[in-house]
Amino acid sequence: MIKSPEEIEVMAESGRLLAEVFAHLDRLDLIGMSTMQVNDLVDSFIVNELKARPASKGQYGFAYALNSSPNRVVCHGVPSTKDILESGDIVNFDITLEKNGYIADSSKTYLVGEVSAQAKRLVQVTYEALWKGIKAVRPGARLGDVGFAIEQHARKNGYSVVREYCGHGIGREMHEAPEVLHWGKPRTGLILREGMVFTIEPMINQGSNVVETEDDGWTVVTCDGKLSAQFEHTVAVTANGVRVLTLRPGEKQLN
């Protein structure tokens, strides 16, 4: 569970490369693209340009370089040639990258074209909730503090937090201990220690937090058909706080 300083530096390099993937996506005009086209571009960029490996490909039988989760899809959406992105959509791309034996994991929800004010607000609050959780990370804090900060911000803004899925430890394996819930009580749960590395990845819903999995066995959707958004970073607990290993170009840590 505890990573050495040397291991964290290797993970930071994986995180830096993964941030380049999102910078590459930022330059795309997503309108009219299929989620499979986005997947194929990401796969090629990771392998051919970054000389790294899409870590989700082949993991648990998943065949793709990313999860694509538009609109009411909460997480684990499967890329498809039939899913064409249109103006007004929101879509989360969740991507993992392995370099030199260590994995970084991050996701971002994109606004496609002209998006409604309600959708923009959901996406913004979800991003803020991620950073509320990140700000709670420091040695001696507890995982319950992280989850509480996230859920408090979501609920204050009228949204709900999905409880079935959580963040996780990460390193040589995509999923390691501990589980990082996005809800909780302050001063409860695992005590954080320097060298821990894990993801924080809240899924925030416009309506109810009740979700279901579709027949493909992967795609998780809101039961009420309302929108869901997600953001994710891989973080390391430092001696006096937190280091975001997947910080994207131009992105600043929110206060």
Protein backbone atom coordinates (compact mmCIF):
# COMPACT_ATOMS: atom_id res chain seq x y z
CA MET A 1 0.00 0.00 0.00
CA ILE A 2 2.84 2.42 0.85
CA LYS A 3 4.94 3.49 -2.14
CA SER A 4 8.59 4.53 -1.88
CA PRO A 5 9.65 7.98 -3.10
CA GLU A 6 11.23 6.27 -6.11
CA GLU A 7 8.02 4.44 -6.94
CA ILE A 8 6.02 7.64 -6.66
CA GLU A 9 8.34 9.35 -9.13
CA VAL A 10 7.79 6.55 -11.64
CA MET A 11 4.03 6.88 -11.10
CA ALA A 12 4.33 10.63 -11.58
CA GLU A 13 5.84 9.99 -15.01
CA SER A 14 2.89 7.75 -15.89
CA GLY A 15 0.63 10.53 -14.62
CA ARG A 16 2.39 13.14 -16.71
CA LEU A 17 1.96 11.06 -19.84
CA LEU A 18 -1.70 10.46 -19.04
CA ALA A 19 -2.17 14.22 -18.66
CA GLU A 20 -0.79 14.54 -22.21
CA VAL A 21 -3.55 12.21 -23.41
CA PHE A 22 -6.20 14.55 -22.02
CA ALA A 23 -4.42 17.56 -23.54
CA HIS A 24 -4.64 15.71 -26.87
CA LEU A 25 -8.38 15.13 -26.34
CA ASP A 26 -8.85 18.80 -25.42
CA ARG A 27 -7.82 19.75 -28.96
CA LEU A 28 -10.46 17.58 -30.63
CA ASP A 29 -13.81 18.77 -31.94
CA LEU A 30 -15.89 15.95 -30.50
CA ILE A 31 -19.11 16.84 -32.36
CA GLY A 32 -19.91 14.07 -34.83
CA MET A 33 -17.24 11.69 -33.53
CA SER A 34 -18.18 8.23 -32.31
CA THR A 35 -16.91 7.14 -28.92
CA MET A 36 -15.09 4.33 -30.75
CA GLN A 37 -13.22 6.90 -32.85
CA VAL A 38 -12.13 8.64 -29.65
CA ASN A 39 -11.04 5.29 -28.21
CA ASP A 40 -8.97 4.46 -31.29
CA LEU A 41 -7.28 7.87 -31.28
CA VAL A 42 -6.40 7.52 -27.60
CA ASP A 43 -5.14 3.96 -28.08
CA SER A 44 -2.88 5.04 -30.94
CA PHE A 45 -1.61 8.12 -29.11
CA ILE A 46 -0.69 6.16 -25.97
CA VAL A 47 1.04 3.36 -27.87
CA ASN A 48 2.68 5.19 -30.78
CA GLU A 49 3.36 8.68 -29.43
CA LEU A 50 3.89 8.08 -25.72
CA LYS A 51 5.38 4.56 -26.00
CA ALA A 52 3.18 3.43 -23.12
CA ARG A 53 0.35 0.94 -22.58
CA PRO A 54 -3.41 1.55 -22.26
CA ALA A 55 -3.79 -0.26 -18.94
CA SER A 56 -7.55 -0.90 -19.20
CA LYS A 57 -7.13 -2.86 -22.42
CA GLY A 58 -7.49 -6.52 -21.49
CA GLN A 59 -8.16 -5.76 -17.81
CA TYR A 60 -11.04 -7.93 -16.54
CA GLY A 61 -11.82 -8.79 -20.16
CA PHE A 62 -12.37 -5.15 -21.21
CA ALA A 63 -11.24 -4.63 -24.79
CA TYR A 64 -10.69 -0.87 -25.04
CA ALA A 65 -8.30 1.93 -24.11
CA LEU A 66 -10.95 3.97 -22.31
CA ASN A 67 -14.40 4.03 -20.80
CA SER A 68 -16.76 6.47 -22.55
CA SER A 69 -19.76 7.54 -20.48
CA PRO A 70 -22.12 10.07 -22.09
CA ASN A 71 -25.07 11.83 -20.44
CA ARG A 72 -26.95 9.37 -18.20
CA VAL A 73 -24.08 6.85 -18.24
CA VAL A 74 -22.44 6.97 -14.81
CA CYS A 75 -19.31 4.91 -15.49
CA HIS A 76 -17.81 1.96 -17.39
CA GLY A 77 -19.38 2.95 -20.70
CA VAL A 78 -18.16 0.87 -23.64
CA PRO A 79 -16.93 2.68 -26.78
CA SER A 80 -19.14 2.12 -29.81
CA THR A 81 -19.33 3.15 -33.46
CA LYS A 82 -23.04 3.79 -32.83
CA ASP A 83 -22.53 6.34 -30.03
CA ILE A 84 -22.14 9.59 -31.96
CA LEU A 85 -21.41 12.65 -29.86
CA GLU A 86 -23.72 15.58 -30.53
CA SER A 87 -23.79 19.22 -29.48
CA GLY A 88 -25.40 19.37 -26.04
CA ASP A 89 -23.92 16.10 -24.77
CA ILE A 90 -21.62 15.67 -21.83
CA VAL A 91 -19.23 12.71 -21.90
CA ASN A 92 -16.71 11.31 -19.45
CA PHE A 93 -13.55 9.65 -20.73
CA ASP A 94 -11.84 7.48 -18.10
CA ILE A 95 -8.32 6.44 -19.12
CA THR A 96 -5.53 4.43 -17.48
CA LEU A 97 -1.92 4.37 -18.66
CA GLU A 98 0.99 2.16 -17.65
CA LYS A 99 4.63 3.12 -18.12
CA ASN A 100 7.62 1.31 -16.63
CA GLY A 101 5.37 -1.03 -14.68
CA TYR A 102 3.25 1.58 -12.87
CA ILE A 103 -0.27 2.78 -13.66
CA ALA A 104 -1.94 6.20 -13.51
CA ASP A 105 -5.72 6.67 -13.71
CA SER A 106 -7.70 9.81 -14.51
CA SER A 107 -10.97 10.95 -16.05
CA LYS A 108 -12.56 14.15 -17.30
CA THR A 109 -16.11 15.07 -18.31
CA TYR A 110 -16.24 17.05 -21.55
CA LEU A 111 -18.87 19.51 -22.70
CA VAL A 112 -19.72 18.80 -26.34
CA GLY A 113 -20.70 21.89 -28.30
CA GLU A 114 -23.48 24.04 -26.83
CA VAL A 115 -24.43 22.49 -23.50
CA SER A 116 -27.34 23.51 -21.26
CA ALA A 117 -26.70 25.63 -18.18
CA GLN A 118 -27.97 22.75 -16.02
CA ALA A 119 -25.45 20.32 -17.53
CA LYS A 120 -22.61 22.83 -17.20
CA ARG A 121 -23.45 23.37 -13.54
CA LEU A 122 -23.44 19.62 -12.82
CA VAL A 123 -20.04 19.22 -14.47
CA GLN A 124 -18.58 22.22 -12.62
CA VAL A 125 -19.86 21.08 -9.23
CA THR A 126 -18.51 17.56 -9.86
CA TYR A 127 -15.08 19.01 -10.64
CA GLU A 128 -15.24 21.11 -7.48
CA ALA A 129 -16.27 18.03 -5.46
CA LEU A 130 -13.20 16.17 -6.70
CA TRP A 131 -10.99 18.98 -5.43
CA LYS A 132 -12.83 19.15 -2.12
CA GLY A 133 -11.86 15.51 -1.67
CA ILE A 134 -8.27 16.10 -2.76
CA LYS A 135 -7.92 19.01 -0.31
CA ALA A 136 -8.87 16.68 2.56
CA VAL A 137 -5.86 14.42 1.86
CA ARG A 138 -2.91 14.75 4.23
CA PRO A 139 -1.06 12.51 6.71
CA GLY A 140 -3.21 11.81 9.75
CA ALA A 141 -6.49 12.56 7.99
CA ARG A 142 -8.92 9.71 7.42
CA LEU A 143 -10.65 8.42 4.32
CA GLY A 144 -13.99 9.39 5.86
CA ASP A 145 -12.84 13.02 5.73
CA VAL A 146 -12.32 12.70 1.96
CA GLY A 147 -15.73 11.17 1.32
CA PHE A 148 -17.49 13.63 3.60
CA ALA A 149 -15.97 16.63 1.82
CA ILE A 150 -17.13 15.31 -1.55
CA GLU A 151 -20.68 14.41 -0.54
CA GLN A 152 -21.20 17.61 1.45
CA HIS A 153 -20.36 19.72 -1.61
CA ALA A 154 -22.56 17.66 -3.92
CA ARG A 155 -25.57 17.70 -1.58
CA LYS A 156 -25.19 21.41 -0.87
CA ASN A 157 -25.66 21.96 -4.60
CA GLY A 158 -28.67 19.66 -4.88
CA TYR A 159 -26.95 16.60 -6.31
CA SER A 160 -26.43 13.01 -5.18
CA VAL A 161 -23.29 10.86 -4.94
CA VAL A 162 -23.20 7.37 -6.45
CA ARG A 163 -22.30 4.93 -3.67
CA GLU A 164 -21.75 1.67 -5.55
CA TYR A 165 -18.42 2.73 -7.09
CA CYS A 166 -15.35 4.23 -5.46
CA GLY A 167 -11.76 5.28 -5.83
CA HIS A 168 -8.96 2.82 -5.14
CA GLY A 169 -5.34 2.31 -4.40
CA ILE A 170 -3.15 2.05 -7.49
CA GLY A 171 0.42 1.16 -8.41
CA ARG A 172 1.65 -1.88 -10.28
CA GLU A 173 -1.98 -3.01 -10.31
CA MET A 174 -4.90 -0.89 -11.47
CA HIS A 175 -6.94 -1.67 -8.37
CA GLU A 176 -5.19 -1.98 -5.02
CA ALA A 177 -6.19 -1.26 -1.42
CA PRO A 178 -7.73 0.88 -0.06
CA GLU A 179 -11.22 1.56 -1.35
CA VAL A 180 -11.85 5.32 -1.39
CA LEU A 181 -15.55 6.06 -0.84
CA HIS A 182 -16.98 9.37 -2.04
CA TRP A 183 -19.20 9.66 1.01
CA GLY A 184 -18.50 9.17 4.69
CA LYS A 185 -18.23 10.62 8.16
CA PRO A 186 -15.40 12.87 9.34
CA ARG A 187 -12.69 11.27 11.49
CA THR A 188 -13.66 7.75 10.44
CA GLY A 189 -12.00 5.20 8.18
CA LEU A 190 -8.40 4.43 7.35
CA ILE A 191 -5.75 6.86 8.60
CA LEU A 192 -3.78 8.34 5.70
CA ARG A 193 0.01 7.93 5.71
CA GLU A 194 2.77 9.40 3.63
CA GLY A 195 3.40 7.25 0.56
CA MET A 196 -0.17 6.09 0.01
CA VAL A 197 -1.29 6.48 -3.61
CA PHE A 198 -4.92 6.22 -4.67
CA THR A 199 -7.57 7.64 -6.97
CA ILE A 200 -10.41 9.97 -6.08
CA GLU A 201 -13.17 9.78 -8.72
CA PRO A 202 -16.62 11.00 -7.61
CA MET A 203 -19.66 10.24 -9.75
CA ILE A 204 -22.30 12.92 -9.15
CA ASN A 205 -25.91 12.63 -10.38
CA GLN A 206 -28.45 15.33 -11.20
CA GLY A 207 -31.22 13.29 -9.65
CA SER A 208 -31.30 10.09 -7.63
CA ASN A 209 -28.09 8.19 -6.87
CA VAL A 210 -29.80 4.90 -7.81
CA VAL A 211 -28.04 3.23 -10.74
CA GLU A 212 -28.27 0.01 -12.74
CA THR A 213 -26.00 -1.97 -15.05
CA GLU A 214 -27.11 -2.55 -18.63
CA ASP A 215 -27.18 -5.93 -20.35
CA ASP A 216 -23.61 -5.60 -21.67
CA GLY A 217 -22.42 -6.16 -18.10
CA TRP A 218 -20.36 -2.96 -18.11
CA THR A 219 -22.39 0.19 -18.72
CA VAL A 220 -23.79 1.76 -15.52
CA VAL A 221 -26.63 4.28 -15.97
CA THR A 222 -28.86 6.46 -13.82
CA CYS A 223 -32.24 4.82 -13.21
CA ASP A 224 -34.12 8.12 -13.57
CA GLY A 225 -32.47 9.03 -16.88
CA LYS A 226 -30.89 12.20 -15.50
CA LEU A 227 -27.33 13.26 -16.17
CA SER A 228 -24.23 12.03 -14.35
CA ALA A 229 -20.73 13.53 -14.35
CA GLN A 230 -17.35 12.34 -13.09
CA PHE A 231 -13.78 13.57 -12.65
CA GLU A 232 -10.79 11.61 -11.39
CA HIS A 233 -7.19 12.14 -10.37
CA THR A 234 -4.46 9.88 -8.99
CA VAL A 235 -2.97 11.39 -5.82
CA ALA A 236 -0.11 10.64 -3.44
CA VAL A 237 -0.05 11.48 0.25
CA THR A 238 3.05 13.59 0.96
CA ALA A 239 4.78 14.53 4.19
CA ASN A 240 2.64 17.64 4.56
CA GLY A 241 -0.29 17.23 2.17
CA VAL A 242 -1.09 15.81 -1.23
CA ARG A 243 0.48 15.61 -4.68
CA VAL A 244 -1.74 15.21 -7.74
CA LEU A 245 0.15 12.84 -10.04
CA THR A 246 -2.20 13.28 -13.03
CA LEU A 247 -2.48 17.09 -13.01
CA ARG A 248 -3.19 18.21 -16.56
CA PRO A 249 -1.38 21.00 -18.47
CA GLY A 250 -2.87 24.34 -17.47
CA GLU A 251 -4.78 22.79 -14.56
CA LYS A 252 -4.27 24.31 -11.14
CA GLN A 253 -5.05 22.83 -7.76
CA LEU A 254 -8.31 24.34 -6.53
CA ASN A 255 -8.37 25.94 -3.11
